[in-house]
Each structure stands twice: as structure tokens, then as C-alpha cells.
């Protein structure tokens, strides 16, 4: 578990081969055994973010990339996977000079999985496509590049059969749920407490609770105090992202209102000019505008 800095709980947990296979079996309905040969890949800053929250593995001629989203679903996930998949394909080729030869280079078949564990409403399963982001060009409907991401909602009450079929995944869902609920309760009871202190207390409580109740026990037993602190850092990051998203939405609403007011003023000015052009006096214009009238 050393070197966990900036890794998410998801990546730290499912970088283990057995946990990764258990997750894939649950989502895909397959039955790969723990003796399946799997190459777990690690890339730095893969999803254009300082928090590494993805994990990938190559097995049975497949390259499976999985990531989690807790704060909200990012519709740009297909685009964000583009850079990592190219590098992962490069790493899968033992001799890179083979791409310059005439014979076709075989690549592992890619699969992209995102697990959503946030609180906002979202369907049990959704497919995000890179092509949805392409600009529409008149007369051209061809899709020359595609990347599909399967998004599974693993929040409470969603895809429970999938979650139950994987002990590590079930433990992960429970850990996230307990951490979020304890954070809310601590914040409610201590409204003046700083956010980072609230999160630290919530994570400490969650780790203790999970150990006492056999949730992710083997994983959590091997965590050092420094790594527990890293979990708190992750939750602070999720909280900060959530706040930033809410602030962005509020700014968008304010900008929309301001633009609406500007458009209203522009229309009012155009209406006054039109009234002048049709021969109305200033007094008649004032009276008409007060009454909400418009020029005929």
C-alpha cells in the first residue's frame, strides 16, 4: 500500500488482481478465477486529474479500464479515456517497431467501465459515447472515431445484484456510504467545524466501523495512519469538486439572469424607437409602456 499518495480508495482497492477480477465478473456476468493471468497497469495522471481514480488490467485478450465517479457523472469520460488508452495500447506491444511492419498488429479488445456512486439521480446503466461530443456537420453523419463507456450506478438501491456479486465492490459501496453519512452527521452536529476536520473525523470513524464489522477488513488492516489521512484528502477533494460545481451552476444562473435583463432592455429600447418612428409622442409612449402595450 505504499505510494498511495493521490490515489483514490477505488484505485487502491481494485489495483489488487483478485479485487479487479471480482469487480469485472460482477459487472460483466463472467466468471474469471483468481488464477487468471492479469497485468495491472498503472499510469500517472491518466484521467487529466491529480487524483488517480482509475485502474486497468489486461487479461484474456482484453484491456479493461475502470474508474469511479462520486461527486457527479462527467459526460466527458469517453474523451478523458482517449489519452490513457493510447498509452495502454503502446504498453501492450512488446516491440513497438512492429507497428511499422506490413502485418496487422493485434491489440487487446478495450472495455471501459465507470462506476457512479454519487447521490444525484442517475439511471442504473448508461452508455456514454465519444461521438456525442462531435460537432454536427451538414451532410456528414459518418462516425470515424468511437469510444463507448458503460456507466453503472452502484449507489444505494441501484444494481444491487451486481454489487452483491463482488465482496470488494460491496465493501467499497458500504465504505463510501458510511463515510458520506458520518460526514453529514458530524457537520450537522458541529456546524462551525472546518470541512477538513469534519472529513478527517468521518474517515476515522468509517475505518474503525468497517474494521469492527468486517467490511474491507483485509484492505483496511494494511493501511498506515498516513494512508488513512490520504483517504480524508480524497473525500475533501470530492467535497471541493461538489462545491465548485454548485458555485459554477449558481454563476451560470446569474449570468443567464443578467443576459435576460440585457435582452429585455434591448427589446424595450427597440420598442421605444419603433413607437417614435410611427409618430407617437413621448407622453403616449410612456403611457403605452406602463400599460405593457406594444406597437402595432
Protein backbone atom coordinates (compact mmCIF):
# COMPACT_ATOMS: atom_id res chain seq x y z
CA UNK A 1 0.00 0.00 0.00
CA UNK A 2 2.98 2.32 -0.02
CA UNK A 3 2.95 5.07 -2.62
CA UNK A 4 -0.79 5.59 -2.27
CA UNK A 5 -0.43 9.37 -2.41
CA UNK A 6 -3.15 10.95 -4.56
CA UNK A 7 -4.61 7.50 -5.29
CA UNK A 8 -8.31 7.16 -4.63
CA UNK A 9 -9.83 4.46 -2.43
CA UNK A 10 -11.18 2.90 -5.62
CA UNK A 11 -7.81 2.65 -7.33
CA UNK A 12 -6.01 1.47 -4.21
CA UNK A 13 -8.57 -1.27 -3.60
CA UNK A 14 -9.03 -2.54 -7.15
CA UNK A 15 -5.37 -2.44 -8.17
CA UNK A 16 -5.33 -5.83 -6.48
CA UNK A 17 -5.72 -8.53 -9.14
CA UNK A 18 -8.32 -10.58 -7.27
CA UNK A 19 -10.41 -7.50 -6.44
CA UNK A 20 -10.18 -6.29 -10.05
CA UNK A 21 -11.37 -9.64 -11.41
CA UNK A 22 -14.16 -9.74 -8.84
CA UNK A 23 -15.33 -6.30 -9.99
CA UNK A 24 -15.21 -7.28 -13.66
CA UNK A 25 -17.03 -10.57 -13.04
CA UNK A 26 -19.81 -8.75 -11.18
CA UNK A 27 -20.30 -6.14 -13.91
CA UNK A 28 -19.93 -8.42 -16.94
CA UNK A 29 -21.51 -11.58 -15.57
CA UNK A 30 -18.31 -13.53 -16.32
CA UNK A 31 -16.55 -16.00 -14.05
CA UNK A 32 -12.79 -15.47 -14.23
CA UNK A 33 -10.97 -17.29 -11.45
CA UNK A 34 -8.27 -15.78 -9.26
CA UNK A 35 -5.58 -17.78 -11.08
CA UNK A 36 -6.35 -15.87 -14.31
CA UNK A 37 -3.23 -14.11 -15.53
CA UNK A 38 -3.81 -10.37 -15.27
CA UNK A 39 -1.44 -7.48 -15.93
CA UNK A 40 -2.50 -4.50 -13.81
CA UNK A 41 -1.48 -1.21 -15.42
CA UNK A 42 -0.58 1.99 -13.63
CA UNK A 43 -0.21 5.31 -15.42
CA UNK A 44 0.48 8.65 -13.78
CA UNK A 45 -2.22 11.34 -14.05
CA UNK A 46 -4.18 9.25 -16.51
CA UNK A 47 -7.56 10.99 -16.49
CA UNK A 48 -6.28 14.57 -16.64
CA UNK A 49 -6.67 14.85 -12.87
CA UNK A 50 -4.34 14.93 -9.90
CA UNK A 51 -6.42 12.26 -8.20
CA UNK A 52 -5.74 8.89 -9.79
CA UNK A 53 -9.11 7.16 -9.71
CA UNK A 54 -8.78 4.60 -12.50
CA UNK A 55 -7.36 1.12 -12.74
CA UNK A 56 -6.85 -1.08 -15.79
CA UNK A 57 -5.88 -4.63 -16.48
CA UNK A 58 -5.07 -6.84 -19.47
CA UNK A 59 -6.35 -10.43 -19.45
CA UNK A 60 -7.87 -12.90 -21.90
CA UNK A 61 -7.01 -10.59 -24.84
CA UNK A 62 -8.99 -7.74 -23.28
CA UNK A 63 -7.91 -4.39 -21.89
CA UNK A 64 -10.39 -3.31 -19.23
CA UNK A 65 -10.28 0.22 -17.84
CA UNK A 66 -12.44 1.01 -14.80
CA UNK A 67 -12.94 4.27 -12.93
CA UNK A 68 -15.26 5.66 -10.29
CA UNK A 69 -17.22 8.91 -10.08
CA UNK A 70 -18.60 10.01 -6.71
CA UNK A 71 -19.45 13.71 -6.93
CA UNK A 72 -21.28 13.65 -10.27
CA UNK A 73 -21.18 11.95 -13.64
CA UNK A 74 -18.76 13.53 -16.08
CA UNK A 75 -20.23 13.28 -19.58
CA UNK A 76 -16.70 13.77 -20.97
CA UNK A 77 -15.42 10.41 -19.73
CA UNK A 78 -15.08 8.97 -23.27
CA UNK A 79 -12.84 11.88 -24.22
CA UNK A 80 -10.86 11.61 -20.99
CA UNK A 81 -10.16 7.94 -21.73
CA UNK A 82 -8.64 8.69 -25.15
CA UNK A 83 -5.14 9.60 -23.98
CA UNK A 84 -4.77 6.74 -21.46
CA UNK A 85 -6.00 4.07 -23.88
CA UNK A 86 -3.41 5.09 -26.47
CA UNK A 87 -0.64 4.78 -23.89
CA UNK A 88 -2.03 1.49 -22.59
CA UNK A 89 -2.10 0.08 -26.13
CA UNK A 90 1.51 1.17 -26.58
CA UNK A 91 2.47 -0.59 -23.36
CA UNK A 92 0.70 -3.77 -24.52
CA UNK A 93 3.04 -4.12 -27.50
CA UNK A 94 6.32 -5.80 -26.61
CA UNK A 95 8.12 -4.49 -29.71
CA UNK A 96 6.88 -1.07 -30.84
CA UNK A 97 8.70 -1.43 -34.15
CA UNK A 98 6.05 -3.95 -35.19
CA UNK A 99 3.62 -1.10 -35.99
CA UNK A 100 5.84 -0.21 -38.96
CA UNK A 101 5.59 -3.66 -40.48
CA UNK A 102 3.02 -4.76 -43.05
CA UNK A 103 1.30 -7.38 -40.90
CA UNK A 104 -1.57 -6.24 -38.69
CA UNK A 105 -0.68 -5.70 -35.03
CA UNK A 106 -3.29 -7.31 -32.77
CA UNK A 107 -4.45 -5.24 -29.79
CA UNK A 108 -6.37 -6.35 -26.71
CA UNK A 109 -10.08 -5.57 -27.03
CA UNK A 110 -10.84 -2.48 -24.90
CA UNK A 111 -13.70 -2.18 -22.42
CA UNK A 112 -14.44 0.95 -20.39
CA UNK A 113 -16.36 0.87 -17.14
CA UNK A 114 -17.33 3.75 -14.87
CA UNK A 115 -19.00 3.15 -11.53
CA UNK A 116 -21.13 6.04 -10.29
CA UNK A 117 -21.56 6.22 -6.53
CA UNK A 118 -22.95 9.72 -6.06
CA UNK A 119 -26.19 10.95 -4.54
CA UNK A 120 -27.74 12.62 -7.59
CA UNK A 121 -30.38 10.69 -9.55
CA UNK A 122 -28.92 8.63 -12.39
CA UNK A 123 -30.06 5.54 -14.37
CA UNK A 124 -28.86 2.07 -13.39
CA UNK A 125 -26.87 1.82 -16.63
CA UNK A 126 -25.96 4.33 -19.30
CA UNK A 127 -23.66 4.28 -22.32
CA UNK A 128 -21.60 7.41 -22.95
CA UNK A 129 -20.20 7.78 -26.48
CA UNK A 130 -17.35 9.90 -27.73
CA UNK A 131 -19.27 10.61 -30.93
CA UNK A 132 -21.91 12.52 -28.95
CA UNK A 133 -19.31 15.24 -28.47
CA UNK A 134 -18.54 15.64 -32.18
CA UNK A 135 -19.66 18.79 -33.94
CA UNK A 136 -22.55 18.24 -36.33
CA UNK A 137 -21.53 18.80 -39.96
CA UNK A 138 -24.29 19.14 -42.51
CA UNK A 139 -24.44 16.21 -44.88
CA UNK A 140 -21.88 14.15 -42.94
CA UNK A 141 -23.16 11.62 -40.40
CA UNK A 142 -20.19 9.24 -40.51
CA UNK A 143 -18.53 8.37 -37.19
CA UNK A 144 -14.84 7.83 -37.85
CA UNK A 145 -13.79 7.51 -34.23
CA UNK A 146 -15.78 6.00 -31.40
CA UNK A 147 -15.21 5.13 -27.75
CA UNK A 148 -18.03 3.83 -25.56
CA UNK A 149 -18.09 3.91 -21.77
CA UNK A 150 -20.56 1.82 -19.78
CA UNK A 151 -21.67 3.67 -16.65
CA UNK A 152 -23.17 1.66 -13.78
CA UNK A 153 -24.93 3.34 -10.88
CA UNK A 154 -23.82 1.48 -7.75
CA UNK A 155 -25.41 3.90 -5.28
CA UNK A 156 -27.75 2.57 -2.63
CA UNK A 157 -30.79 0.97 -4.26
CA UNK A 158 -29.15 0.59 -7.69
CA UNK A 159 -27.68 -2.52 -9.33
CA UNK A 160 -27.75 -4.34 -6.01
CA UNK A 161 -27.27 -7.74 -7.66
CA UNK A 162 -24.03 -6.54 -9.28
CA UNK A 163 -22.79 -5.07 -6.01
CA UNK A 164 -23.60 -8.22 -4.01
CA UNK A 165 -21.74 -10.42 -6.51
CA UNK A 166 -18.41 -8.83 -5.60
CA UNK A 167 -17.22 -8.72 -1.99
CA UNK A 168 -14.67 -5.93 -2.67
CA UNK A 169 -17.24 -3.89 -4.60
CA UNK A 170 -19.86 -4.37 -1.89
CA UNK A 171 -17.32 -3.29 0.73
CA UNK A 172 -16.36 -0.26 -1.34
CA UNK A 173 -20.01 0.82 -1.68
CA UNK A 174 -20.55 0.36 2.07
CA UNK A 175 -17.40 2.32 2.93
CA UNK A 176 -18.38 5.26 0.71
CA UNK A 177 -21.95 5.28 2.06
CA UNK A 178 -20.84 5.16 5.71
CA UNK A 179 -18.21 7.86 5.14
CA UNK A 180 -20.71 10.17 3.47
CA UNK A 181 -23.39 9.65 6.12
CA UNK A 182 -20.96 10.14 9.01
CA UNK A 183 -19.61 13.29 7.35
CA UNK A 184 -23.14 14.70 7.12
CA UNK A 185 -23.92 13.83 10.75
CA UNK A 186 -20.70 15.36 12.08
CA UNK A 187 -21.27 18.51 10.04
CA UNK A 188 -24.87 18.72 11.28
CA UNK A 189 -23.82 18.42 14.92
CA UNK A 190 -20.82 20.74 14.51
CA UNK A 191 -21.87 23.46 12.02
CA UNK A 192 -18.84 25.62 12.81
CA UNK A 193 -16.27 22.86 12.36
CA UNK A 194 -13.83 23.23 9.46
CA UNK A 195 -14.50 20.98 6.48
CA UNK A 196 -11.16 19.16 6.61
CA UNK A 197 -11.63 18.35 10.31
CA UNK A 198 -15.15 17.06 9.61
CA UNK A 199 -13.81 14.78 6.86
CA UNK A 200 -10.91 13.52 8.99
CA UNK A 201 -13.29 12.57 11.79
CA UNK A 202 -15.71 10.94 9.36
CA UNK A 203 -12.98 8.83 7.73
CA UNK A 204 -11.52 7.81 11.08
CA UNK A 205 -14.96 6.71 12.25
CA UNK A 206 -15.63 4.86 8.96
CA UNK A 207 -12.34 2.96 9.07
CA UNK A 208 -12.98 1.87 12.67
CA UNK A 209 -16.60 0.93 11.94
CA UNK A 210 -15.68 -1.11 8.86
CA UNK A 211 -12.92 -2.96 10.71
CA UNK A 212 -15.33 -3.80 13.55
CA UNK A 213 -17.98 -5.05 11.13
CA UNK A 214 -15.75 -6.97 8.71
CA UNK A 215 -16.07 -4.52 5.81
CA UNK A 216 -12.92 -4.38 3.64
CA UNK A 217 -11.16 -5.74 6.68
CA UNK A 218 -8.07 -7.17 4.95
CA UNK A 219 -7.62 -3.99 2.93
CA UNK A 220 -8.06 -1.60 5.86
CA UNK A 221 -5.85 -3.61 8.24
CA UNK A 222 -2.87 -2.89 5.99
CA UNK A 223 -3.44 0.87 5.89
CA UNK A 224 -0.90 3.05 7.68
CA UNK A 225 -2.04 6.22 9.53
CA UNK A 226 -0.61 8.26 6.64
CA UNK A 227 -2.72 6.33 4.14
CA UNK A 228 -5.85 6.84 6.23
CA UNK A 229 -5.10 10.56 6.03
CA UNK A 230 -4.92 10.20 2.25
CA UNK A 231 -8.46 8.84 2.28
CA UNK A 232 -9.52 12.01 4.07
CA UNK A 233 -7.75 14.04 1.38
CA UNK A 234 -9.77 12.20 -1.27
CA UNK A 235 -13.06 13.00 0.44
CA UNK A 236 -12.03 16.63 0.79
CA UNK A 237 -11.38 16.67 -2.94
CA UNK A 238 -14.82 15.22 -3.70
CA UNK A 239 -16.39 17.80 -1.41
CA UNK A 240 -14.43 20.60 -3.05
CA UNK A 241 -15.49 19.41 -6.51
CA UNK A 242 -19.10 19.35 -5.37
CA UNK A 243 -18.86 22.89 -4.00
CA UNK A 244 -17.16 24.09 -7.18
CA UNK A 245 -19.90 22.50 -9.28
CA UNK A 246 -22.62 24.19 -7.22
CA UNK A 247 -20.83 27.53 -7.48
CA UNK A 248 -20.47 27.12 -11.26
CA UNK A 249 -24.17 26.38 -11.55
CA UNK A 250 -25.02 29.45 -9.48
CA UNK A 251 -22.73 31.62 -11.62
CA UNK A 252 -24.41 30.23 -14.71
CA UNK A 253 -27.84 31.15 -13.35
CA UNK A 254 -26.65 34.68 -12.50
CA UNK A 255 -25.11 35.14 -15.95
CA UNK A 256 -28.33 33.90 -17.52
CA UNK A 257 -30.40 36.35 -15.49
CA UNK A 258 -28.08 39.23 -16.40
CA UNK A 259 -28.25 38.36 -20.08
CA UNK A 260 -32.00 38.10 -19.83
CA UNK A 261 -32.15 41.58 -18.33
CA UNK A 262 -29.87 42.92 -21.06
CA UNK A 263 -32.01 41.37 -23.78
CA UNK A 264 -35.11 42.83 -22.12
CA UNK A 265 -33.57 46.29 -22.10
CA UNK A 266 -32.54 45.96 -25.74
CA UNK A 267 -36.04 44.96 -26.75
CA UNK A 268 -37.51 47.83 -24.73
CA UNK A 269 -35.21 50.33 -26.48
CA UNK A 270 -36.12 48.89 -29.89
CA UNK A 271 -39.81 49.17 -29.00
CA UNK A 272 -39.45 52.84 -28.00
CA UNK A 273 -37.65 53.64 -31.24
CA UNK A 274 -40.35 51.90 -33.22
CA UNK A 275 -43.03 53.91 -31.39
CA UNK A 276 -41.20 57.15 -32.17
CA UNK A 277 -40.94 56.14 -35.82
CA UNK A 278 -44.70 55.56 -36.02
CA UNK A 279 -45.44 59.08 -34.73
CA UNK A 280 -46.24 58.55 -31.04
CA UNK A 281 -45.43 61.40 -28.64
CA UNK A 282 -43.18 60.93 -25.62
CA UNK A 283 -46.23 61.08 -23.32
CA UNK A 284 -48.10 58.47 -25.37
CA UNK A 285 -45.04 56.20 -25.36
CA UNK A 286 -44.69 56.40 -21.54
CA UNK A 287 -48.37 55.59 -21.09
CA UNK A 288 -48.21 52.69 -23.54
CA UNK A 289 -45.13 51.17 -21.92
CA UNK A 290 -46.65 51.47 -18.42
CA UNK A 291 -49.69 49.61 -19.69
CA UNK A 292 -47.46 46.93 -21.19
CA UNK A 293 -48.59 47.76 -24.69
CA UNK A 294 -46.61 47.06 -27.83
CA UNK A 295 -46.60 48.90 -31.14
CA UNK A 296 -48.99 47.59 -33.74
